[in-house]
Amino acid sequence: MKISNFSILLVLSFFTLQSSSQELIEIESKKEFKEKFDNHINDAIETSDGYRMVAGYTLNNSAGGRDLWVAKLSNTGEVIWQEIIGDVNNDEATAVIESTKGDYVVVGHSINSGSGYTEGWFLRFRDDGKLKSKSELKVGSKSKLYDIKEIGKNEFIVCGVRNDIGIDDDNFMLMKLNSSGSKLWVQELGTKYFPDEAFCLQVTDKEEVMAAGYTTLDNNKRKMLLVKTDKYGKILFKEEIGDGGMTAISAMEETPDGKIILAGYSNVNSKGEEDALVMIYDRYKKLISQKSFGKGSADIINAIKVYKNGYLAIGTSKSLRADLSTMYLVKFDGDLEVEWERAYAEKGNSFGSDLVINVNGFTAVGSVKHDKVQNAILINYKDNSSTLLAGAADDSAKADIMKKHSVKDGMTLM
């Protein structure tokens, strides 16, 4: 059969029309956990069998305040199993990992009803949701755990904050635990009588530990704090980063070339309140590149992941919609140049906590708030950038396509 030039032109024109109308980033599905009372997702991972594990808190079916909430979900957010643990006081799960043993390890913290002290919690769940073990880490009047990584053979590093009984002094804390959650060693840093906290960590291939957060100077201003220890807790370096202000590192990830990318916020030389902040360091504490951006109100990054020859970050902005909190997504290339931004800007407040990267795109988690109730949310995004760029003739054409799709509905922090 002979195909006319007109037919070819028609097909090409149709393809061009379809490509130009296609969204760069589109929502495939979303699941909002609509409950009577607040619930929120702090952390999420993809499991080895392709599901989602989430950790956070709920006030539903609780004994009083917040209860620790852990759930295994389908890709679209349907509950496979969930566990709610707590009592009349506030309890919260902050991080979850899948161990090399195939179970799920969760950390968080709880206020002890008897003593009134805050305890770090270390819990292990079987794949069917049954609680295997629970360890309450009573290492002072206050111990909160924010992140966890496995190290060596079934041992774990956690980070957070610790306060000694009778002393008003929050310390940046690193702790190594055995498989049952018993303390092997603890390392504390920071300025005496001023608050210091560790929010995130990574374990290198040499079993060295890198942790980050903030330290408060004796003039009450903060600096970002980056710490590296060996596997026994010995300090290899401690680096205070930036000028003093309201600043912290809230997320870190290892880059494909063995460096560390850090993300968080800072109000130093900001355009209003806190600006979002991203930095790349090598393992010898040398700054490679840095980017900060934001507008008049608080703009922060809560998580960052390696993604499509660059990095994808999620956080919460109050600059995009008349001081409403808005889940914010930003894609960087390898040099931290912004490729695109997106906001989850439905009615009410939305909060971005974490990301799960998958083959066709990514999953964003956090919560939305309307009618005075905050509901956990899981949103699956499809990334069509490869399809849109496939027909571009050269790098200039690709740049034009990305520029056209870089911002939606005028929502940008750049």
Protein backbone atom coordinates (compact mmCIF):
# COMPACT_ATOMS: atom_id res chain seq x y z
CA MET A 1 0.00 0.00 0.00
CA LYS A 2 1.37 3.38 -0.97
CA ILE A 3 1.41 6.01 1.79
CA SER A 4 1.11 9.58 0.60
CA ASN A 5 3.24 12.42 1.92
CA PHE A 6 0.02 14.02 3.11
CA SER A 7 -0.72 10.97 5.30
CA ILE A 8 2.75 11.08 6.82
CA LEU A 9 2.38 14.79 7.47
CA LEU A 10 -1.01 14.18 9.09
CA VAL A 11 0.42 11.52 11.41
CA LEU A 12 3.37 13.74 12.35
CA SER A 13 1.08 16.69 12.97
CA PHE A 14 -1.15 14.55 15.20
CA PHE A 15 1.89 13.34 17.16
CA THR A 16 3.14 16.92 17.60
CA LEU A 17 -0.29 18.07 18.77
CA GLN A 18 -0.51 15.21 21.28
CA SER A 19 3.01 15.88 22.58
CA SER A 20 2.46 19.60 22.98
CA SER A 21 -0.74 19.08 24.93
CA GLN A 22 0.70 16.40 27.20
CA GLU A 23 1.54 17.38 30.77
CA LEU A 24 5.17 17.03 31.88
CA ILE A 25 4.07 15.87 35.34
CA GLU A 26 0.54 14.55 35.87
CA ILE A 27 -1.33 13.01 38.78
CA GLU A 28 -2.21 9.37 38.06
CA SER A 29 -3.95 8.65 41.35
CA LYS A 30 -4.30 9.99 44.85
CA LYS A 31 -5.52 8.58 48.13
CA GLU A 32 -6.65 10.82 50.96
CA PHE A 33 -7.16 9.09 54.30
CA LYS A 34 -10.34 10.91 55.26
CA GLU A 35 -10.91 10.45 58.96
CA LYS A 36 -12.75 12.24 61.74
CA PHE A 37 -9.50 13.45 63.33
CA ASP A 38 -5.98 14.33 62.17
CA ASN A 39 -3.57 11.88 60.57
CA HIS A 40 -0.31 12.48 58.71
CA ILE A 41 2.50 10.57 56.91
CA ASN A 42 6.06 11.51 57.90
CA ASP A 43 8.03 8.88 55.97
CA ALA A 44 7.51 6.34 53.17
CA ILE A 45 9.46 3.62 51.37
CA GLU A 46 8.87 1.15 48.57
CA THR A 47 9.07 -2.41 49.89
CA SER A 48 10.92 -5.25 48.17
CA ASP A 49 7.57 -6.71 47.07
CA GLY A 50 6.49 -3.45 45.43
CA TYR A 51 4.16 -1.98 48.08
CA ARG A 52 4.43 1.19 50.17
CA MET A 53 5.27 1.34 53.86
CA VAL A 54 4.35 4.58 55.59
CA ALA A 55 4.97 5.89 59.09
CA GLY A 56 3.33 8.80 60.86
CA TYR A 57 0.59 9.49 63.37
CA THR A 58 -3.19 9.41 63.76
CA LEU A 59 -5.67 10.72 66.29
CA ASN A 60 -8.29 8.21 65.11
CA ASN A 61 -8.94 5.10 67.23
CA SER A 62 -6.45 6.55 69.68
CA ALA A 63 -6.52 6.52 73.45
CA GLY A 64 -6.16 10.29 73.64
CA GLY A 65 -3.47 12.24 71.78
CA ARG A 66 -1.54 11.27 68.69
CA ASP A 67 -0.82 7.57 68.23
CA LEU A 68 2.01 6.04 66.26
CA TRP A 69 0.65 4.84 62.89
CA VAL A 70 2.38 2.35 60.59
CA ALA A 71 0.73 0.97 57.44
CA LYS A 72 1.52 -1.20 54.45
CA LEU A 73 -0.33 0.14 51.42
CA SER A 74 -0.91 -0.78 47.82
CA ASN A 75 0.59 1.55 45.20
CA THR A 76 -2.68 3.46 45.11
CA GLY A 77 -2.96 3.73 48.89
CA GLU A 78 -5.33 0.92 49.76
CA VAL A 79 -4.53 -0.48 53.22
CA ILE A 80 -2.96 -3.96 53.27
CA TRP A 81 -2.47 -3.76 57.02
CA GLN A 82 -1.99 -1.05 59.61
CA GLU A 83 -1.00 -0.81 63.24
CA ILE A 84 -1.83 1.98 65.70
CA ILE A 85 0.18 2.07 68.93
CA GLY A 86 0.01 4.56 71.80
CA ASP A 87 -1.78 5.76 74.91
CA VAL A 88 -3.33 9.00 76.18
CA ASN A 89 -0.22 11.07 75.37
CA ASN A 90 1.32 11.97 72.00
CA ASP A 91 3.09 9.16 70.14
CA GLU A 92 4.52 9.42 66.62
CA ALA A 93 6.42 7.35 64.04
CA THR A 94 9.03 9.38 62.18
CA ALA A 95 10.92 6.91 59.95
CA VAL A 96 10.66 3.40 58.53
CA ILE A 97 13.08 1.09 56.70
CA GLU A 98 13.00 -2.49 55.43
CA SER A 99 15.83 -4.46 57.02
CA THR A 100 18.01 -7.08 55.36
CA LYS A 101 16.03 -9.64 57.39
CA GLY A 102 12.87 -8.65 55.47
CA ASP A 103 10.98 -7.01 58.34
CA TYR A 104 10.09 -3.36 58.81
CA VAL A 105 11.89 -1.27 61.41
CA VAL A 106 10.22 1.89 62.68
CA VAL A 107 11.46 4.66 64.97
CA GLY A 108 9.59 7.47 66.67
CA HIS A 109 8.88 8.72 70.14
CA SER A 110 6.27 8.69 72.90
CA ILE A 111 5.53 10.56 76.11
CA ASN A 112 5.61 8.11 78.99
CA SER A 113 2.35 8.33 80.97
CA GLY A 114 4.07 7.49 84.24
CA SER A 115 7.21 9.63 84.21
CA GLY A 116 6.12 12.31 81.76
CA TYR A 117 9.46 11.87 79.95
CA THR A 118 9.69 11.54 76.16
CA GLU A 119 11.11 8.18 75.06
CA GLY A 120 12.54 7.09 71.75
CA TRP A 121 10.77 4.06 70.26
CA PHE A 122 12.29 1.28 68.16
CA LEU A 123 9.80 -1.23 66.71
CA ARG A 124 10.07 -4.21 64.33
CA PHE A 125 7.10 -5.50 62.35
CA ARG A 126 6.78 -8.72 60.40
CA ASP A 127 5.67 -8.54 56.79
CA ASP A 128 2.12 -9.47 57.87
CA GLY A 129 2.01 -6.52 60.31
CA LYS A 130 2.56 -8.44 63.55
CA LEU A 131 4.74 -6.55 66.03
CA LYS A 132 7.95 -8.56 66.57
CA SER A 133 9.59 -6.37 69.17
CA LYS A 134 9.37 -2.97 70.79
CA SER A 135 12.13 -1.15 72.63
CA GLU A 136 11.57 2.02 74.66
CA LEU A 137 14.81 3.97 74.81
CA LYS A 138 14.86 5.70 78.19
CA VAL A 139 18.07 7.68 77.74
CA GLY A 140 17.16 10.90 79.54
CA SER A 141 14.16 13.06 80.25
CA LYS A 142 13.70 13.52 76.52
CA SER A 143 14.82 11.36 73.61
CA LYS A 144 13.28 11.73 70.16
CA LEU A 145 14.31 9.64 67.15
CA TYR A 146 13.93 11.16 63.69
CA ASP A 147 15.77 8.81 61.30
CA ILE A 148 17.18 5.28 61.06
CA LYS A 149 19.57 3.36 58.81
CA GLU A 150 20.84 -0.21 58.95
CA ILE A 151 24.56 -0.70 59.46
CA GLY A 152 26.56 -3.91 59.32
CA LYS A 153 24.79 -7.16 60.11
CA ASN A 154 21.38 -6.37 61.53
CA GLU A 155 22.43 -3.37 63.58
CA PHE A 156 21.06 0.15 63.27
CA ILE A 157 22.03 3.80 63.55
CA VAL A 158 19.39 6.28 64.74
CA CYS A 159 19.57 10.02 65.18
CA GLY A 160 17.55 12.62 67.03
CA VAL A 161 17.73 14.66 70.20
CA ARG A 162 18.42 13.81 73.83
CA ASN A 163 18.03 15.79 77.04
CA ASP A 164 19.50 14.69 80.36
CA ILE A 165 17.21 14.59 83.40
CA GLY A 166 17.30 17.85 85.30
CA ILE A 167 19.32 19.74 82.66
CA ASP A 168 17.68 22.02 80.11
CA ASP A 169 20.01 21.05 77.26
CA ASP A 170 18.80 19.33 74.06
CA ASN A 171 21.71 17.53 72.41
CA PHE A 172 22.32 16.43 68.79
CA MET A 173 22.29 12.64 69.24
CA LEU A 174 23.56 9.61 67.33
CA MET A 175 22.99 6.13 68.71
CA LYS A 176 23.82 2.60 67.57
CA LEU A 177 21.35 -0.18 68.43
CA ASN A 178 21.48 -3.94 68.15
CA SER A 179 18.78 -6.03 66.47
CA SER A 180 16.47 -5.86 69.49
CA GLY A 181 16.85 -2.10 69.96
CA SER A 182 19.30 -2.13 72.86
CA LYS A 183 21.84 0.70 72.96
CA LEU A 184 25.40 -0.16 71.89
CA TRP A 185 26.77 3.39 71.99
CA VAL A 186 25.53 6.96 72.02
CA GLN A 187 27.24 10.12 70.83
CA GLU A 188 26.03 13.61 71.73
CA LEU A 189 27.12 16.98 70.38
CA GLY A 190 26.10 20.62 70.54
CA THR A 191 26.32 23.81 72.54
CA LYS A 192 25.72 23.37 76.27
CA TYR A 193 22.34 24.69 77.47
CA PHE A 194 21.18 25.44 73.91
CA PRO A 195 19.07 23.19 71.62
CA ASP A 196 20.77 20.99 69.01
CA GLU A 197 19.06 18.26 66.94
CA ALA A 198 19.95 15.61 64.34
CA PHE A 199 17.22 15.08 61.72
CA CYS A 200 18.73 12.80 59.07
CA LEU A 201 21.59 10.41 58.40
CA GLN A 202 23.37 8.20 55.89
CA VAL A 203 25.70 5.19 56.22
CA THR A 204 28.62 5.00 53.79
CA ASP A 205 30.00 1.83 52.18
CA LYS A 206 32.77 1.94 54.82
CA GLU A 207 30.14 1.90 57.59
CA GLU A 208 30.88 5.50 58.48
CA VAL A 209 27.91 7.53 59.67
CA MET A 210 26.98 10.98 58.39
CA ALA A 211 24.30 12.90 60.29
CA ALA A 212 22.94 16.40 59.91
CA GLY A 213 20.60 18.85 61.60
CA TYR A 214 21.40 22.07 63.44
CA THR A 215 23.28 23.44 66.40
CA THR A 216 22.41 26.58 68.37
CA LEU A 217 25.20 29.01 69.11
CA ASP A 218 25.50 30.74 72.46
CA ASN A 219 24.01 33.88 70.86
CA ASN A 220 20.81 31.88 70.19
CA LYS A 221 21.42 31.76 66.43
CA ARG A 222 21.53 28.43 64.64
CA LYS A 223 24.00 26.91 62.21
CA MET A 224 23.55 23.79 60.14
CA LEU A 225 25.55 20.91 61.59
CA LEU A 226 27.13 18.08 59.59
CA VAL A 227 28.82 15.27 61.54
CA LYS A 228 30.73 12.16 60.49
CA THR A 229 31.65 9.26 62.80
CA ASP A 230 33.15 5.83 62.36
CA LYS A 231 31.02 2.78 63.12
CA TYR A 232 32.06 2.93 66.78
CA GLY A 233 30.84 6.52 67.24
CA LYS A 234 34.23 8.24 67.11
CA ILE A 235 33.90 11.74 65.63
CA LEU A 236 35.77 12.02 62.31
CA PHE A 237 34.63 15.56 61.64
CA LYS A 238 32.09 18.10 62.85
CA GLU A 239 31.25 20.97 60.54
CA GLU A 240 29.12 24.01 61.36
CA ILE A 241 27.76 25.33 58.06
CA GLY A 242 26.67 28.82 57.09
CA ASP A 243 26.07 32.00 59.05
CA GLY A 244 23.96 32.05 62.19
CA GLY A 245 20.19 32.28 61.77
CA MET A 246 17.10 30.09 61.72
CA THR A 247 18.53 27.21 59.72
CA ALA A 248 18.67 23.40 59.62
CA ILE A 249 19.38 20.38 57.43
CA SER A 250 16.30 18.17 57.32
CA ALA A 251 17.21 15.65 54.58
CA MET A 252 20.27 14.03 53.05
CA GLU A 253 20.99 11.50 50.33
CA GLU A 254 24.08 9.96 48.76
CA THR A 255 24.67 11.12 45.18
CA PRO A 256 25.51 8.66 42.34
CA ASP A 257 29.18 9.77 42.45
CA GLY A 258 29.57 9.23 46.19
CA LYS A 259 28.95 12.75 47.46
CA ILE A 260 26.23 13.88 49.88
CA ILE A 261 23.32 16.14 48.97
CA LEU A 262 21.78 18.07 51.87
CA ALA A 263 18.45 19.90 51.92
CA GLY A 264 16.58 22.02 54.41
CA TYR A 265 16.04 25.71 55.02
CA SER A 266 17.73 28.94 56.08
CA ASN A 267 16.70 32.53 56.76
CA VAL A 268 20.23 33.85 56.24
CA ASN A 269 20.07 36.37 53.35
CA SER A 270 16.57 35.10 52.62
CA LYS A 271 13.80 36.92 50.81
CA GLY A 272 11.55 36.91 53.87
CA GLU A 273 11.33 34.04 56.32
CA GLU A 274 13.09 30.70 55.69
CA ASP A 275 14.20 29.89 52.13
CA ALA A 276 14.55 26.38 50.76
CA LEU A 277 18.17 25.26 50.68
CA VAL A 278 20.09 22.53 48.80
CA MET A 279 23.84 21.80 49.02
CA ILE A 280 26.21 19.13 47.70
CA TYR A 281 29.21 18.17 49.85
CA ASP A 282 31.89 15.59 49.29
CA ARG A 283 32.73 13.15 52.06
CA TYR A 284 35.61 15.35 53.19
CA LYS A 285 33.25 18.24 54.08
CA LYS A 286 34.10 20.27 50.97
CA LEU A 287 31.15 22.28 49.57
CA ILE A 288 30.67 21.54 45.86
CA SER A 289 27.54 23.57 45.07
CA GLN A 290 24.71 25.35 46.87
CA LYS A 291 21.32 26.80 45.98
CA SER A 292 18.75 28.68 48.06
CA PHE A 293 15.42 30.01 46.86
CA GLY A 294 12.08 31.21 48.16
CA LYS A 295 9.84 34.23 48.46
CA GLY A 296 8.26 36.19 51.31
CA SER A 297 7.16 33.41 53.68
CA ALA A 298 8.59 30.12 54.97
CA ASP A 299 9.69 27.68 52.24
CA ILE A 300 11.35 24.45 53.39
CA ILE A 301 12.50 21.13 51.93
CA ASN A 302 11.74 17.97 53.93
CA ALA A 303 13.11 15.22 51.65
CA ILE A 304 15.35 14.88 48.59
CA LYS A 305 16.00 11.88 46.33
CA VAL A 306 18.25 11.02 43.39
CA TYR A 307 16.03 11.23 40.29
CA LYS A 308 16.48 11.29 36.50
CA ASN A 309 20.09 12.51 36.23
CA GLY A 310 19.47 14.94 39.05
CA TYR A 311 17.44 15.30 42.22
CA LEU A 312 13.78 15.57 43.24
CA ALA A 313 12.81 17.38 46.44
CA ILE A 314 9.57 17.82 48.37
CA GLY A 315 8.64 20.25 51.09
CA THR A 316 6.12 22.84 52.16
CA SER A 317 5.84 26.44 50.97
CA LYS A 318 3.85 29.29 52.48
CA SER A 319 4.82 31.72 49.70
CA LEU A 320 2.79 30.29 46.83
CA ARG A 321 -0.81 30.87 47.98
CA ALA A 322 -1.40 33.86 50.24
CA ASP A 323 0.32 32.26 53.25
CA LEU A 324 -1.48 28.91 52.90
CA SER A 325 0.80 25.89 53.38
CA THR A 326 1.32 24.13 50.04
CA MET A 327 3.00 20.83 49.15
CA TYR A 328 5.90 21.82 46.89
CA LEU A 329 7.94 19.70 44.43
CA VAL A 330 11.09 20.75 42.61
CA LYS A 331 13.34 18.89 40.15
CA PHE A 332 17.04 19.83 39.89
CA ASP A 333 19.60 18.73 37.34
CA GLY A 334 22.98 17.44 38.51
CA ASP A 335 24.30 21.01 38.92
CA LEU A 336 21.28 22.08 41.03
CA GLU A 337 19.71 24.10 38.23
CA VAL A 338 15.92 23.95 38.52
CA GLU A 339 14.20 22.04 35.69
CA TRP A 340 10.60 22.22 36.93
CA GLU A 341 8.41 23.04 39.93
CA ARG A 342 4.97 21.82 40.93
CA ALA A 343 2.57 22.54 43.79
CA TYR A 344 -0.32 20.51 45.14
CA ALA A 345 -2.62 23.49 45.37
CA GLU A 346 -6.11 22.19 46.01
CA LYS A 347 -8.38 23.97 48.47
CA GLY A 348 -6.93 24.23 51.96
CA ASN A 349 -3.43 23.57 53.30
CA SER A 350 -1.19 20.78 52.05
CA PHE A 351 2.11 19.52 53.47
CA GLY A 352 4.87 17.55 51.70
CA SER A 353 6.88 15.06 53.76
CA ASP A 354 8.57 12.39 51.63
CA LEU A 355 9.01 10.82 48.18
CA VAL A 356 9.13 7.30 46.77
CA ILE A 357 10.77 7.04 43.34
CA ASN A 358 9.40 4.47 40.87
CA VAL A 359 9.81 3.48 37.22
CA ASN A 360 7.24 5.85 35.71
CA GLY A 361 7.54 8.73 38.14
CA PHE A 362 7.21 9.12 41.88
CA THR A 363 4.88 9.08 44.88
CA ALA A 364 4.53 12.10 47.16
CA VAL A 365 3.25 11.74 50.73
CA GLY A 366 2.25 14.12 53.49
CA SER A 367 -1.17 15.49 54.36
CA VAL A 368 -3.89 17.97 53.41
CA LYS A 369 -5.98 20.06 55.77
CA HIS A 370 -9.50 21.32 55.23
CA ASP A 371 -12.50 21.73 57.52
CA LYS A 372 -10.02 21.81 60.44
CA VAL A 373 -9.00 18.16 59.90
CA GLN A 374 -5.61 17.11 58.56
CA ASN A 375 -5.70 13.95 56.43
CA ALA A 376 -2.75 11.87 55.28
CA ILE A 377 -2.35 11.77 51.50
CA LEU A 378 -0.51 9.63 48.95
CA ILE A 379 -0.22 11.02 45.39
CA ASN A 380 1.16 9.09 42.42
CA TYR A 381 2.72 11.32 39.75
CA LYS A 382 3.56 10.19 36.22
CA ASP A 383 6.64 11.79 34.67
CA ASN A 384 6.22 12.27 30.90
CA SER A 385 9.50 14.12 30.35
CA SER A 386 11.12 11.26 28.39
CA THR A 387 8.18 11.13 25.97
CA LEU A 388 8.06 14.90 25.54
CA LEU A 389 11.79 15.16 24.90
CA ALA A 390 11.98 12.16 22.55
CA GLY A 391 10.91 14.16 19.50
CA ALA A 392 13.23 17.13 20.13
CA ALA A 393 15.76 17.71 17.36
CA ASP A 394 18.60 19.00 19.54
CA ASP A 395 19.52 20.25 23.01
CA SER A 396 18.09 23.68 22.25
CA ALA A 397 14.71 22.17 21.40
CA LYS A 398 14.81 20.07 24.58
CA ALA A 399 15.56 23.19 26.62
CA ASP A 400 12.60 24.97 25.04
CA ILE A 401 10.27 22.06 25.90
CA MET A 402 11.44 21.97 29.52
CA LYS A 403 11.09 25.73 29.83
CA LYS A 404 7.53 25.57 28.51
CA HIS A 405 6.59 22.95 31.13
CA SER A 406 8.81 24.17 34.00
CA VAL A 407 6.02 25.91 35.91
CA LYS A 408 2.27 25.27 36.11
CA ASP A 409 -0.37 27.89 37.01
CA GLY A 410 2.38 30.43 37.65
CA MET A 411 3.43 28.79 40.92
CA THR A 412 7.18 29.21 41.33
CA LEU A 413 9.63 30.04 44.08
CA MET A 414 12.33 31.11 41.60
